[in-house]
Protein backbone atom coordinates (compact mmCIF):
# COMPACT_ATOMS: atom_id res chain seq x y z
CA MET A 1 24.59 -131.04 -167.82
CA ARG A 2 27.72 -128.94 -167.70
CA THR A 3 30.90 -129.97 -169.52
CA VAL A 4 34.32 -128.93 -168.21
CA THR A 5 37.79 -129.62 -169.54
CA THR A 6 40.22 -128.25 -166.92
CA THR A 7 40.99 -128.97 -163.30
CA ALA A 8 40.05 -125.42 -162.30
CA GLN A 9 36.64 -125.69 -163.96
CA LEU A 10 36.08 -129.11 -162.38
CA ARG A 11 36.87 -127.89 -158.88
CA ASP A 12 34.71 -124.79 -159.31
CA ALA A 13 31.72 -126.88 -160.40
CA LEU A 14 32.21 -129.34 -157.53
CA ALA A 15 32.53 -126.54 -154.98
CA THR A 16 29.23 -125.09 -156.16
CA ALA A 17 27.51 -128.49 -155.98
CA ARG A 18 28.88 -129.29 -152.55
CA SER A 19 27.93 -125.87 -151.19
CA ALA A 20 24.37 -126.83 -152.07
CA GLY A 21 24.71 -130.07 -150.09
CA ALA A 22 25.35 -132.46 -152.99
CA SER A 23 26.69 -135.97 -152.54
CA VAL A 24 28.97 -136.91 -155.43
CA ALA A 25 29.28 -140.11 -157.46
CA LEU A 26 31.99 -140.70 -160.04
CA VAL A 27 31.82 -142.84 -163.18
CA ALA A 28 35.17 -142.84 -164.96
CA THR A 29 35.08 -143.82 -168.64
CA MET A 30 37.12 -143.65 -171.82
CA GLY A 31 34.07 -142.61 -173.80
CA ALA A 32 32.43 -144.54 -176.64
CA LEU A 33 29.51 -144.82 -174.24
CA HIS A 34 27.08 -147.73 -174.40
CA ASP A 35 24.28 -149.21 -172.29
CA GLY A 36 26.79 -150.58 -169.79
CA HIS A 37 27.93 -147.05 -169.01
CA LEU A 38 24.33 -145.87 -168.86
CA ARG A 39 23.64 -148.53 -166.21
CA LEU A 40 26.52 -147.12 -164.18
CA PHE A 41 25.13 -143.58 -164.54
CA THR A 42 21.68 -144.74 -163.43
CA GLU A 43 23.08 -146.51 -160.38
CA ALA A 44 25.27 -143.51 -159.57
CA LYS A 45 22.20 -141.27 -159.63
CA ARG A 46 20.39 -143.67 -157.31
CA ARG A 47 23.22 -143.49 -154.80
CA CYS A 48 24.09 -139.78 -154.98
CA ASN A 49 22.39 -136.60 -156.16
CA PHE A 50 25.31 -135.27 -158.22
CA VAL A 51 26.93 -137.52 -160.82
CA VAL A 52 30.30 -136.74 -162.38
CA ALA A 53 31.25 -138.69 -165.51
CA THR A 54 34.74 -138.49 -166.94
CA ILE A 55 35.76 -139.15 -170.52
CA PHE A 56 39.49 -139.58 -170.96
CA VAL A 57 41.26 -142.02 -173.27
CA ASN A 58 44.18 -142.66 -170.97
CA PRO A 59 47.38 -143.19 -172.95
CA THR A 60 49.34 -144.69 -170.07
CA GLN A 61 47.16 -147.80 -169.89
CA PHE A 62 47.74 -148.70 -173.55
CA ARG A 63 50.72 -150.85 -174.36
CA PRO A 64 52.79 -150.54 -177.55
CA GLY A 65 50.89 -151.94 -180.51
CA GLU A 66 47.48 -151.52 -178.87
CA ASP A 67 44.63 -149.41 -180.19
CA LEU A 68 45.26 -145.99 -178.63
CA GLU A 69 45.11 -144.13 -181.95
CA HIS A 70 42.06 -146.03 -183.15
CA TYR A 71 40.09 -146.17 -179.91
CA PRO A 72 36.56 -144.91 -180.73
CA ARG A 73 35.99 -141.26 -179.86
CA ASP A 74 32.76 -139.28 -180.31
CA LEU A 75 32.43 -136.63 -177.63
CA THR A 76 29.28 -135.12 -179.16
CA ALA A 77 27.42 -138.44 -179.03
CA ASP A 78 28.80 -139.21 -175.58
CA ARG A 79 27.65 -135.87 -174.23
CA ALA A 80 24.12 -136.51 -175.43
CA LEU A 81 24.03 -139.99 -173.89
CA ALA A 82 25.46 -138.79 -170.57
CA ALA A 83 23.01 -135.89 -170.35
CA GLY A 84 20.09 -138.19 -171.14
CA ALA A 85 21.18 -140.56 -168.37
CA GLY A 86 21.15 -137.83 -165.72
CA VAL A 87 24.84 -137.00 -165.49
CA ASP A 88 25.28 -133.58 -163.87
CA LEU A 89 28.89 -132.83 -164.77
CA LEU A 90 31.00 -134.20 -167.61
CA TYR A 91 34.76 -133.85 -167.20
CA ALA A 92 36.61 -134.34 -170.50
CA PRO A 93 40.20 -133.28 -169.84
CA SER A 94 43.08 -133.15 -172.28
CA VAL A 95 46.15 -135.34 -171.91
CA GLU A 96 48.06 -132.22 -170.87
CA ASP A 97 45.57 -131.52 -168.08
CA ILE A 98 46.02 -135.01 -166.62
CA TYR A 99 49.73 -135.41 -167.35
CA PRO A 100 51.30 -131.93 -167.41
CA VAL A 101 54.88 -131.40 -168.47
CA GLY A 102 57.17 -132.88 -165.85
CA PHE A 103 54.66 -135.46 -164.56
CA ALA A 104 56.79 -138.22 -163.01
CA THR A 105 54.61 -140.31 -160.69
CA THR A 106 53.18 -143.80 -161.11
CA VAL A 107 50.71 -145.48 -158.76
CA ALA A 108 51.27 -149.25 -158.81
CA VAL A 109 49.44 -152.06 -157.03
CA SER A 110 51.31 -155.34 -156.62
CA GLY A 111 49.89 -158.84 -156.36
CA LEU A 112 46.54 -158.43 -158.10
CA THR A 113 48.14 -157.06 -161.27
CA GLU A 114 50.49 -159.89 -162.23
CA VAL A 115 47.83 -162.46 -163.16
CA LEU A 116 45.13 -162.76 -165.85
CA CYS A 117 45.49 -159.66 -168.06
CA GLY A 118 48.64 -158.70 -166.19
CA ALA A 119 50.35 -161.99 -167.08
CA THR A 120 50.21 -161.44 -170.84
CA SER A 121 53.08 -160.01 -172.82
CA ALA A 122 50.95 -157.37 -174.56
CA ARG A 123 49.07 -156.23 -171.44
CA GLY A 124 51.45 -156.68 -168.56
CA ALA A 125 51.07 -155.32 -165.05
CA ALA A 126 52.17 -151.89 -166.33
CA HIS A 127 48.73 -151.61 -167.97
CA PHE A 128 47.20 -151.50 -164.51
CA ASP A 129 49.77 -148.93 -163.38
CA GLY A 130 48.28 -146.62 -165.99
CA VAL A 131 44.78 -147.34 -164.71
CA THR A 132 45.56 -146.81 -161.05
CA THR A 133 47.54 -143.66 -161.70
CA VAL A 134 44.76 -141.94 -163.61
CA VAL A 135 42.02 -143.17 -161.25
CA ALA A 136 44.02 -141.94 -158.26
CA LYS A 137 44.20 -138.52 -159.88
CA LEU A 138 40.45 -138.53 -160.55
CA LEU A 139 39.62 -139.62 -157.00
CA ASN A 140 41.89 -136.90 -155.66
CA ARG A 141 40.40 -134.17 -157.86
CA ILE A 142 36.74 -135.18 -157.46
CA ASP A 143 36.73 -136.78 -153.97
CA PRO A 144 33.45 -138.65 -154.56
CA GLU A 145 31.47 -140.51 -151.95
CA VAL A 146 31.27 -143.45 -154.35
CA ALA A 147 32.99 -144.42 -157.61
CA LEU A 148 31.30 -147.02 -159.80
CA PHE A 149 32.91 -149.56 -162.12
CA GLY A 150 31.63 -152.47 -164.21
CA GLN A 151 31.97 -156.14 -163.28
CA LYS A 152 33.14 -156.95 -166.83
CA ASP A 153 36.49 -155.43 -165.84
CA ALA A 154 36.62 -157.47 -162.64
CA GLN A 155 40.40 -157.48 -162.24
CA GLN A 156 40.58 -153.74 -162.83
CA ALA A 157 37.87 -153.14 -160.22
CA LEU A 158 39.75 -155.21 -157.64
CA VAL A 159 42.98 -153.35 -158.36
CA ILE A 160 41.27 -149.97 -158.03
CA ALA A 161 39.59 -151.01 -154.77
CA GLN A 162 42.95 -152.11 -153.35
CA MET A 163 44.55 -148.83 -154.39
CA ALA A 164 41.70 -146.80 -152.86
CA ARG A 165 42.02 -148.65 -149.55
CA ASP A 166 45.78 -148.42 -149.44
CA LEU A 167 45.87 -144.69 -150.21
CA ASP A 168 42.95 -143.85 -147.87
CA PHE A 169 40.60 -142.42 -150.48
CA ARG A 170 37.21 -142.05 -148.87
CA ALA A 171 35.28 -143.21 -151.94
CA GLU A 172 33.38 -146.46 -151.80
CA ILE A 173 34.34 -148.54 -154.85
CA ALA A 174 31.10 -150.05 -156.13
CA VAL A 175 31.06 -152.77 -158.79
CA ILE A 176 27.94 -153.04 -160.94
CA GLU A 177 26.75 -156.13 -162.80
CA THR A 178 27.82 -156.60 -166.41
CA VAL A 179 25.32 -155.52 -169.07
CA ARG A 180 25.02 -157.96 -171.97
CA GLU A 181 23.60 -158.28 -175.46
CA SER A 182 20.73 -160.71 -175.95
CA ASP A 183 23.19 -163.51 -176.84
CA GLY A 184 25.27 -162.90 -173.72
CA LEU A 185 28.13 -160.86 -175.17
CA ALA A 186 29.31 -158.36 -172.57
CA LEU A 187 28.96 -154.77 -173.74
CA SER A 188 32.29 -153.12 -174.48
CA SER A 189 33.41 -150.12 -176.48
CA ARG A 190 35.79 -152.45 -178.30
CA ASN A 191 32.88 -154.53 -179.63
CA ALA A 192 32.73 -151.89 -182.37
CA TYR A 193 35.90 -153.44 -183.80
CA LEU A 194 34.20 -156.78 -184.45
CA ALA A 195 33.51 -157.72 -188.06
CA ALA A 196 30.26 -159.62 -188.54
CA PRO A 197 31.81 -163.13 -188.46
CA ASP A 198 33.79 -162.32 -185.32
CA ARG A 199 30.72 -160.79 -183.68
CA ALA A 200 28.88 -164.08 -184.22
CA ARG A 201 31.77 -166.03 -182.70
CA ALA A 202 32.02 -163.69 -179.73
CA ALA A 203 28.84 -165.06 -178.16
CA ALA A 204 30.81 -168.23 -177.39
CA LEU A 205 32.77 -166.43 -174.66
CA HIS A 206 29.76 -166.09 -172.38
CA GLN A 207 28.53 -169.55 -173.35
CA ALA A 208 31.90 -170.97 -172.34
CA LEU A 209 31.77 -169.25 -168.96
CA ARG A 210 28.28 -170.60 -168.37
CA ALA A 211 29.37 -174.13 -169.27
CA VAL A 212 32.10 -173.98 -166.63
CA ALA A 213 29.70 -172.56 -164.05
CA GLU A 214 27.17 -175.30 -164.81
CA ALA A 215 29.80 -178.01 -164.48
CA ILE A 216 30.70 -176.73 -161.02
CA ALA A 217 27.04 -176.40 -160.04
CA ASP A 218 26.53 -180.03 -161.14
CA GLY A 219 29.19 -181.14 -158.68
CA GLU A 220 32.49 -181.05 -160.55
CA ASP A 221 35.14 -180.15 -157.97
CA ASP A 222 38.20 -180.66 -160.17
CA PRO A 223 38.93 -177.22 -161.66
CA LYS A 224 40.65 -178.65 -164.74
CA ARG A 225 37.65 -180.81 -165.60
CA ALA A 226 35.29 -177.91 -164.91
CA LEU A 227 37.23 -175.65 -167.26
CA ALA A 228 37.27 -178.39 -169.89
CA ALA A 229 33.48 -178.02 -170.15
CA ALA A 230 34.17 -174.88 -172.19
CA ASP A 231 36.36 -176.64 -174.77
CA PRO A 232 33.62 -177.84 -177.17
CA ILE A 233 32.05 -174.37 -177.27
CA LEU A 234 35.32 -172.54 -177.87
CA ASP A 235 36.49 -175.13 -180.41
CA ALA A 236 33.25 -174.81 -182.37
CA ALA A 237 33.74 -171.05 -182.52
CA ALA A 238 37.44 -171.42 -183.44
CA ILE A 239 38.46 -169.42 -180.37
CA GLU A 240 41.80 -170.03 -178.69
CA PRO A 241 41.48 -168.15 -175.38
CA GLU A 242 44.34 -166.07 -174.11
CA TYR A 243 43.30 -167.42 -170.74
CA LEU A 244 40.38 -169.26 -169.18
CA GLU A 245 40.88 -169.55 -165.46
CA LEU A 246 39.24 -170.00 -162.09
CA ARG A 247 40.37 -167.47 -159.50
CA ASP A 248 39.40 -166.49 -155.98
CA ALA A 249 37.11 -163.52 -156.57
CA GLU A 250 38.70 -161.31 -153.91
CA ARG A 251 42.43 -162.16 -154.00
CA LEU A 252 42.70 -163.62 -157.51
CA ASP A 253 44.51 -166.67 -156.13
CA SER A 254 44.58 -169.48 -158.67
CA ILE A 255 42.13 -172.36 -158.31
CA SER A 256 43.82 -175.18 -160.19
CA SER A 257 43.21 -178.20 -157.96
CA PRO A 258 40.36 -179.40 -155.73
CA ALA A 259 42.35 -178.23 -152.69
CA ASP A 260 42.29 -174.62 -153.90
CA TRP A 261 38.57 -173.89 -153.58
CA PRO A 262 37.97 -170.99 -151.17
CA CYS A 263 36.61 -171.83 -147.74
CA ASP A 264 33.29 -170.70 -146.34
CA ARG A 265 31.57 -170.59 -149.71
CA GLY A 266 33.80 -167.79 -150.95
CA ARG A 267 33.09 -166.41 -154.40
CA VAL A 268 34.95 -167.65 -157.45
CA LEU A 269 35.70 -165.74 -160.64
CA ILE A 270 35.58 -167.59 -163.95
CA ALA A 271 37.56 -165.33 -166.29
CA ILE A 272 38.27 -165.44 -170.00
CA ALA A 273 40.11 -163.31 -172.56
CA ALA A 274 40.46 -163.85 -176.30
CA GLN A 275 41.46 -162.01 -179.43
CA LEU A 276 38.73 -162.02 -182.07
CA GLY A 277 39.82 -160.24 -185.21
CA ASN A 278 40.73 -156.69 -184.22
CA ALA A 279 39.17 -156.87 -180.77
CA ARG A 280 40.61 -158.26 -177.56
CA LEU A 281 37.60 -159.18 -175.42
CA ILE A 282 37.39 -160.09 -171.74
CA ASP A 283 34.49 -161.47 -169.72
CA ASN A 284 33.83 -163.23 -166.45
CA LEU A 285 31.21 -164.77 -164.22
CA LEU A 286 31.05 -164.69 -160.44
CA ILE A 287 29.86 -167.88 -158.79
CA THR A 288 29.56 -169.16 -155.24
CA PRO A 289 30.30 -172.91 -155.18
CA ARG A 290 27.80 -174.74 -153.02
CA LEU A 291 27.49 -178.29 -151.79
CA ASN A 292 28.76 -180.77 -154.35
CA ALA A 293 25.50 -182.14 -155.71
CA THR A 294 27.07 -185.37 -156.94
CA LYS A 295 29.41 -186.22 -154.10
CA GLY A 296 27.52 -184.66 -151.22
CA ALA A 297 30.47 -182.64 -149.94
CA PRO A 298 31.65 -179.06 -150.35
CA PRO A 299 34.78 -178.34 -152.37
CA ARG A 300 37.80 -178.94 -150.17
CA CYS A 301 39.66 -176.06 -148.58
CA SER A 302 43.39 -175.52 -148.74
CA ALA A 303 45.43 -175.83 -145.57
CA THR A 304 45.95 -172.06 -145.49
CA CYS A 305 42.25 -171.25 -145.15
């Protein structure tokens, strides 16, 4: 595996690979690699024969008071993990390489960014502007056939996919299933912040999502009552979620009444975020509501479907 740190080195390495007929996959990361990233690398290698991983702690997606200075960084360990997972090229640029003096452009996606994480005061829609700006630069510099992202960051993946479509990037945006610990906790670099008591409580996030999913599978078509199935689990773990919501999995429209269920068995996102000690954690489940087992009818569709 070769490691490069500048745009010129990156383009030279890609030109060499493409001259040999390589197809290119991109996995963009902020480092602190874990098994979730390794799953992305493995899938990238399955889809293409030349995998580019990026490690860049992007300052523009951190809001004031967040953990930019303390975000875990260990390039030596990350290089070893990436090489072992079959990554061909590691791009680890400096802030100056990505945002040179005089940089004055922001790529913003409207609509998808104002809800869930974008509706909070600490992580408003501007957080996603930082994400889409840096990913646009990476897609432009690398021009991959496919770029892979994790389902844990479902809203981010939707925003990036919208941006890629709107700006005519050729890359397919592929979303890969969340990798979890044995107790269901979604893998995240920020899990390293969890003290032992908070780590034990964190398992309740996935349990809460499953409780909501099971309520819907059992025939509950009132979203408020379905979401209430999570309350005993979260209360027992002393977790007050930042949000726990049902959303259309493609448009992120709110599902707050029986009339809001998507038509034609569209997918639904059950999403949660919570602060546990020093870590803000997010998670989600994708479900496809089926026939209401109790009432014998599908969830109702809104008049706009």
